[in-house]
């Protein structure tokens, strides 16, 4: 929940009245709470799925997965029967899930109305874009390394020109 997509999702969910629960490493717990998460669970913990279910006994209504693979497979265990699981990790298409959980992949799509709605949220302070670093274009390798590490808080921005 501390990365670029997760940090935006937590803020948007809180702004529309949901109670977002974040999954992050312990050094990021206060950060994710500051974004609007009602609870944060350590994804390094062996029993992190059980910890989520202790907070939300029936399971979460909606899961947004930003990691994929085995983590996504574990995370589906936190979703209530009949809930929804969305992944932003390819391959995109319907996900095969059990217990009546609706699964889908999501790729951001533009559109004037969506962009205007997001701009209003930024203007009102409901959505605060999280930028970990602004690097010159010459440091593109460092930027890609930081993104690939999956430990960046928010986005890494490359600056072109001055």
C-alpha atoms as a PDB file:
ATOM      1  CA  UNK A   1       0.000   0.000   0.000  1.00  0.00           C
ATOM      2  CA  UNK A   2       3.047   2.277   0.148  1.00  0.00           C
ATOM      3  CA  UNK A   3       3.899   2.144  -3.563  1.00  0.00           C
ATOM      4  CA  UNK A   4       2.648   4.460  -6.273  1.00  0.00           C
ATOM      5  CA  UNK A   5      -0.604   2.672  -7.108  1.00  0.00           C
ATOM      6  CA  UNK A   6      -1.307   1.511  -3.564  1.00  0.00           C
ATOM      7  CA  UNK A   7      -0.783   4.952  -2.036  1.00  0.00           C
ATOM      8  CA  UNK A   8      -3.224   6.495  -4.507  1.00  0.00           C
ATOM      9  CA  UNK A   9      -5.741   3.675  -3.971  1.00  0.00           C
ATOM     10  CA  UNK A  10      -5.679   4.103  -0.179  1.00  0.00           C
ATOM     11  CA  UNK A  11      -6.327   7.839  -0.506  1.00  0.00           C
ATOM     12  CA  UNK A  12      -9.122   7.445  -3.038  1.00  0.00           C
ATOM     13  CA  UNK A  13     -10.801   4.686  -1.011  1.00  0.00           C
ATOM     14  CA  UNK A  14     -10.698   6.811   2.144  1.00  0.00           C
ATOM     15  CA  UNK A  15     -12.015   9.839   0.244  1.00  0.00           C
ATOM     16  CA  UNK A  16     -15.096   7.944  -0.973  1.00  0.00           C
ATOM     17  CA  UNK A  17     -15.899   6.654   2.501  1.00  0.00           C
ATOM     18  CA  UNK A  18     -14.380   3.170   2.393  1.00  0.00           C
ATOM     19  CA  UNK A  19     -12.218   1.841   5.221  1.00  0.00           C
ATOM     20  CA  UNK A  20      -8.997   0.882   3.432  1.00  0.00           C
ATOM     21  CA  UNK A  21      -6.752  -1.702   5.036  1.00  0.00           C
ATOM     22  CA  UNK A  22      -3.163  -1.565   3.830  1.00  0.00           C
ATOM     23  CA  UNK A  23      -0.526  -4.254   3.609  1.00  0.00           C
ATOM     24  CA  UNK A  24       3.019  -2.907   3.931  1.00  0.00           C
ATOM     25  CA  UNK A  25       6.368  -3.436   5.625  1.00  0.00           C
ATOM     26  CA  UNK A  26       6.616  -2.123   9.209  1.00  0.00           C
ATOM     27  CA  UNK A  27       8.668   0.992   8.317  1.00  0.00           C
ATOM     28  CA  UNK A  28       5.766   2.048   6.066  1.00  0.00           C
ATOM     29  CA  UNK A  29       2.889   1.474   8.514  1.00  0.00           C
ATOM     30  CA  UNK A  30       2.689   5.069   9.784  1.00  0.00           C
ATOM     31  CA  UNK A  31       3.032   6.360   6.225  1.00  0.00           C
ATOM     32  CA  UNK A  32       0.129   4.198   4.978  1.00  0.00           C
ATOM     33  CA  UNK A  33      -2.030   5.176   7.970  1.00  0.00           C
ATOM     34  CA  UNK A  34      -1.261   8.807   7.136  1.00  0.00           C
ATOM     35  CA  UNK A  35      -2.667   8.208   3.659  1.00  0.00           C
ATOM     36  CA  UNK A  36      -5.976   7.090   5.172  1.00  0.00           C
ATOM     37  CA  UNK A  37      -5.688   3.375   5.939  1.00  0.00           C
ATOM     38  CA  UNK A  38      -7.712   2.366   8.987  1.00  0.00           C
ATOM     39  CA  UNK A  39      -5.391  -0.597   9.637  1.00  0.00           C
ATOM     40  CA  UNK A  40      -2.051  -1.788   8.261  1.00  0.00           C
ATOM     41  CA  UNK A  41      -0.720  -5.356   8.304  1.00  0.00           C
ATOM     42  CA  UNK A  42       2.891  -6.490   7.824  1.00  0.00           C
ATOM     43  CA  UNK A  43       3.195  -8.495   4.610  1.00  0.00           C
ATOM     44  CA  UNK A  44       6.420 -10.073   5.913  1.00  0.00           C
ATOM     45  CA  UNK A  45       4.477 -11.853   8.667  1.00  0.00           C
ATOM     46  CA  UNK A  46       3.834 -15.518   7.933  1.00  0.00           C
ATOM     47  CA  UNK A  47       0.254 -15.092   9.169  1.00  0.00           C
ATOM     48  CA  UNK A  48      -0.552 -11.803   7.419  1.00  0.00           C
ATOM     49  CA  UNK A  49      -3.707 -13.252   5.835  1.00  0.00           C
ATOM     50  CA  UNK A  50      -4.949 -14.315   9.277  1.00  0.00           C
ATOM     51  CA  UNK A  51      -4.101 -10.841  10.616  1.00  0.00           C
ATOM     52  CA  UNK A  52      -6.289  -9.262   7.932  1.00  0.00           C
ATOM     53  CA  UNK A  53      -9.116 -11.660   8.767  1.00  0.00           C
ATOM     54  CA  UNK A  54      -8.754 -10.796  12.469  1.00  0.00           C
ATOM     55  CA  UNK A  55      -9.403  -7.140  11.570  1.00  0.00           C
ATOM     56  CA  UNK A  56     -12.160  -7.935   9.048  1.00  0.00           C
ATOM     57  CA  UNK A  57     -13.589 -11.289  10.216  1.00  0.00           C
ATOM     58  CA  UNK A  58     -15.826 -11.883   7.203  1.00  0.00           C
ATOM     59  CA  UNK A  59     -13.103 -10.880   4.755  1.00  0.00           C
ATOM     60  CA  UNK A  60     -12.599  -7.713   2.756  1.00  0.00           C
ATOM     61  CA  UNK A  61     -15.130  -6.607   0.159  1.00  0.00           C
ATOM     62  CA  UNK A  62     -12.488  -5.635  -2.391  1.00  0.00           C
ATOM     63  CA  UNK A  63      -8.851  -6.596  -2.859  1.00  0.00           C
ATOM     64  CA  UNK A  64      -6.553  -4.459  -5.006  1.00  0.00           C
ATOM     65  CA  UNK A  65      -3.414  -6.446  -5.800  1.00  0.00           C
ATOM     66  CA  UNK A  66      -0.324  -4.555  -6.943  1.00  0.00           C
ATOM     67  CA  UNK A  67       2.157  -7.451  -6.629  1.00  0.00           C
ATOM     68  CA  UNK A  68       0.733 -10.518  -8.379  1.00  0.00           C
ATOM     69  CA  UNK A  69       2.008 -14.091  -8.329  1.00  0.00           C
ATOM     70  CA  UNK A  70       1.990 -16.061  -5.074  1.00  0.00           C
ATOM     71  CA  UNK A  71       1.160 -12.921  -3.084  1.00  0.00           C
ATOM     72  CA  UNK A  72      -2.047 -12.467  -5.087  1.00  0.00           C
ATOM     73  CA  UNK A  73      -2.913 -16.113  -4.532  1.00  0.00           C
ATOM     74  CA  UNK A  74      -2.508 -15.651  -0.761  1.00  0.00           C
ATOM     75  CA  UNK A  75      -4.332 -12.315  -0.757  1.00  0.00           C
ATOM     76  CA  UNK A  76      -7.462 -13.844  -2.290  1.00  0.00           C
ATOM     77  CA  UNK A  77      -7.824 -15.637   1.052  1.00  0.00           C
ATOM     78  CA  UNK A  78      -8.641 -12.256   2.632  1.00  0.00           C
ATOM     79  CA  UNK A  79     -11.633 -11.640   0.345  1.00  0.00           C
ATOM     80  CA  UNK A  80     -15.146 -12.403   1.595  1.00  0.00           C
ATOM     81  CA  UNK A  81     -17.271 -14.913  -0.267  1.00  0.00           C
ATOM     82  CA  UNK A  82     -18.798 -13.042  -3.192  1.00  0.00           C
ATOM     83  CA  UNK A  83     -16.243 -10.210  -2.932  1.00  0.00           C
ATOM     84  CA  UNK A  84     -14.036  -8.742  -5.651  1.00  0.00           C
ATOM     85  CA  UNK A  85     -10.331  -9.129  -6.403  1.00  0.00           C
ATOM     86  CA  UNK A  86      -8.649  -6.766  -8.841  1.00  0.00           C
ATOM     87  CA  UNK A  87      -5.050  -7.026 -10.001  1.00  0.00           C
ATOM     88  CA  UNK A  88      -3.020  -4.366 -11.783  1.00  0.00           C
ATOM     89  CA  UNK A  89      -0.382  -6.944 -12.716  1.00  0.00           C
ATOM     90  CA  UNK A  90      -0.435  -8.578 -16.184  1.00  0.00           C
ATOM     91  CA  UNK A  91      -1.658 -10.802 -17.684  1.00  0.00           C
ATOM     92  CA  UNK A  92      -4.890  -8.871 -17.960  1.00  0.00           C
ATOM     93  CA  UNK A  93      -8.213 -10.611 -18.282  1.00  0.00           C
ATOM     94  CA  UNK A  94     -10.652 -12.483 -16.055  1.00  0.00           C
ATOM     95  CA  UNK A  95      -9.151 -14.172 -13.013  1.00  0.00           C
ATOM     96  CA  UNK A  96     -10.221 -17.699 -12.089  1.00  0.00           C
ATOM     97  CA  UNK A  97     -11.274 -17.566  -8.438  1.00  0.00           C
ATOM     98  CA  UNK A  98     -13.441 -19.592  -6.063  1.00  0.00           C
ATOM     99  CA  UNK A  99     -16.103 -18.868  -3.420  1.00  0.00           C
ATOM    100  CA  UNK A 100     -18.051 -16.576  -5.740  1.00  0.00           C
ATOM    101  CA  UNK A 101     -15.248 -14.004  -5.788  1.00  0.00           C
ATOM    102  CA  UNK A 102     -15.323 -11.856  -8.906  1.00  0.00           C
ATOM    103  CA  UNK A 103     -11.826 -11.427 -10.287  1.00  0.00           C
ATOM    104  CA  UNK A 104     -10.573  -9.049 -12.909  1.00  0.00           C
ATOM    105  CA  UNK A 105      -7.434  -7.377 -14.080  1.00  0.00           C
ATOM    106  CA  UNK A 106      -7.283  -3.650 -14.372  1.00  0.00           C
ATOM    107  CA  UNK A 107      -5.281  -1.355 -16.585  1.00  0.00           C
ATOM    108  CA  UNK A 108      -5.803   2.357 -16.125  1.00  0.00           C
ATOM    109  CA  UNK A 109      -7.714   3.976 -18.905  1.00  0.00           C
ATOM    110  CA  UNK A 110      -7.874   7.669 -19.450  1.00  0.00           C
ATOM    111  CA  UNK A 111     -10.824   9.766 -20.226  1.00  0.00           C
ATOM    112  CA  UNK A 112     -11.598  13.370 -19.608  1.00  0.00           C
ATOM    113  CA  UNK A 113     -14.171  12.756 -16.856  1.00  0.00           C
ATOM    114  CA  UNK A 114     -11.847  10.507 -14.859  1.00  0.00           C
ATOM    115  CA  UNK A 115      -8.931  12.891 -15.169  1.00  0.00           C
ATOM    116  CA  UNK A 116     -11.106  15.838 -14.157  1.00  0.00           C
ATOM    117  CA  UNK A 117     -12.389  13.898 -11.126  1.00  0.00           C
ATOM    118  CA  UNK A 118      -8.828  13.071 -10.078  1.00  0.00           C
ATOM    119  CA  UNK A 119      -7.782  16.699 -10.590  1.00  0.00           C
ATOM    120  CA  UNK A 120     -10.628  17.818  -8.308  1.00  0.00           C
ATOM    121  CA  UNK A 121      -9.457  15.356  -5.661  1.00  0.00           C
ATOM    122  CA  UNK A 122      -5.912  16.740  -5.910  1.00  0.00           C
ATOM    123  CA  UNK A 123      -7.191  20.330  -5.739  1.00  0.00           C
ATOM    124  CA  UNK A 124      -9.276  19.543  -2.643  1.00  0.00           C
ATOM    125  CA  UNK A 125      -6.403  17.736  -0.923  1.00  0.00           C
ATOM    126  CA  UNK A 126      -8.205  14.363  -0.911  1.00  0.00           C
ATOM    127  CA  UNK A 127      -5.527  12.923  -3.208  1.00  0.00           C
ATOM    128  CA  UNK A 128      -1.909  13.867  -2.562  1.00  0.00           C
ATOM    129  CA  UNK A 129       0.390  12.426  -5.236  1.00  0.00           C
ATOM    130  CA  UNK A 130       3.264  10.660  -3.488  1.00  0.00           C
ATOM    131  CA  UNK A 131       6.681  11.249  -5.072  1.00  0.00           C
ATOM    132  CA  UNK A 132       9.691   9.548  -3.512  1.00  0.00           C
ATOM    133  CA  UNK A 133      12.281  11.102  -5.788  1.00  0.00           C
ATOM    134  CA  UNK A 134      12.761  13.319  -8.814  1.00  0.00           C
ATOM    135  CA  UNK A 135      15.843  12.232 -10.743  1.00  0.00           C
ATOM    136  CA  UNK A 136      17.496  13.629 -13.864  1.00  0.00           C
ATOM    137  CA  UNK A 137      17.025  11.583 -17.028  1.00  0.00           C
ATOM    138  CA  UNK A 138      20.695  10.580 -16.849  1.00  0.00           C
ATOM    139  CA  UNK A 139      19.873   8.516 -13.742  1.00  0.00           C
ATOM    140  CA  UNK A 140      17.288   6.370 -15.515  1.00  0.00           C
ATOM    141  CA  UNK A 141      19.041   3.150 -14.441  1.00  0.00           C
ATOM    142  CA  UNK A 142      18.880   4.170 -10.776  1.00  0.00           C
ATOM    143  CA  UNK A 143      15.215   5.101 -11.204  1.00  0.00           C
ATOM    144  CA  UNK A 144      14.377   1.744 -12.786  1.00  0.00           C
ATOM    145  CA  UNK A 145      16.312  -0.067 -10.063  1.00  0.00           C
ATOM    146  CA  UNK A 146      14.329   1.720  -7.369  1.00  0.00           C
ATOM    147  CA  UNK A 147      11.040   0.861  -9.078  1.00  0.00           C
ATOM    148  CA  UNK A 148      12.095  -2.770  -9.587  1.00  0.00           C
ATOM    149  CA  UNK A 149      13.002  -3.104  -5.895  1.00  0.00           C
ATOM    150  CA  UNK A 150       9.306  -2.575  -5.024  1.00  0.00           C
ATOM    151  CA  UNK A 151      10.367  -0.569  -1.990  1.00  0.00           C
ATOM    152  CA  UNK A 152       9.709   2.922  -3.327  1.00  0.00           C
ATOM    153  CA  UNK A 153       7.142   5.026  -1.503  1.00  0.00           C
ATOM    154  CA  UNK A 154       5.030   6.548  -4.206  1.00  0.00           C
ATOM    155  CA  UNK A 155       6.440   7.328  -7.624  1.00  0.00           C
ATOM    156  CA  UNK A 156       9.934   7.874  -8.971  1.00  0.00           C
ATOM    157  CA  UNK A 157       9.871  10.768 -11.452  1.00  0.00           C
ATOM    158  CA  UNK A 158      12.397  11.328 -14.238  1.00  0.00           C
ATOM    159  CA  UNK A 159      12.998  14.965 -15.066  1.00  0.00           C
ATOM    160  CA  UNK A 160      13.689  15.824 -18.684  1.00  0.00           C
ATOM    161  CA  UNK A 161      15.705  18.992 -19.180  1.00  0.00           C
ATOM    162  CA  UNK A 162      16.264  21.479 -16.394  1.00  0.00           C
END
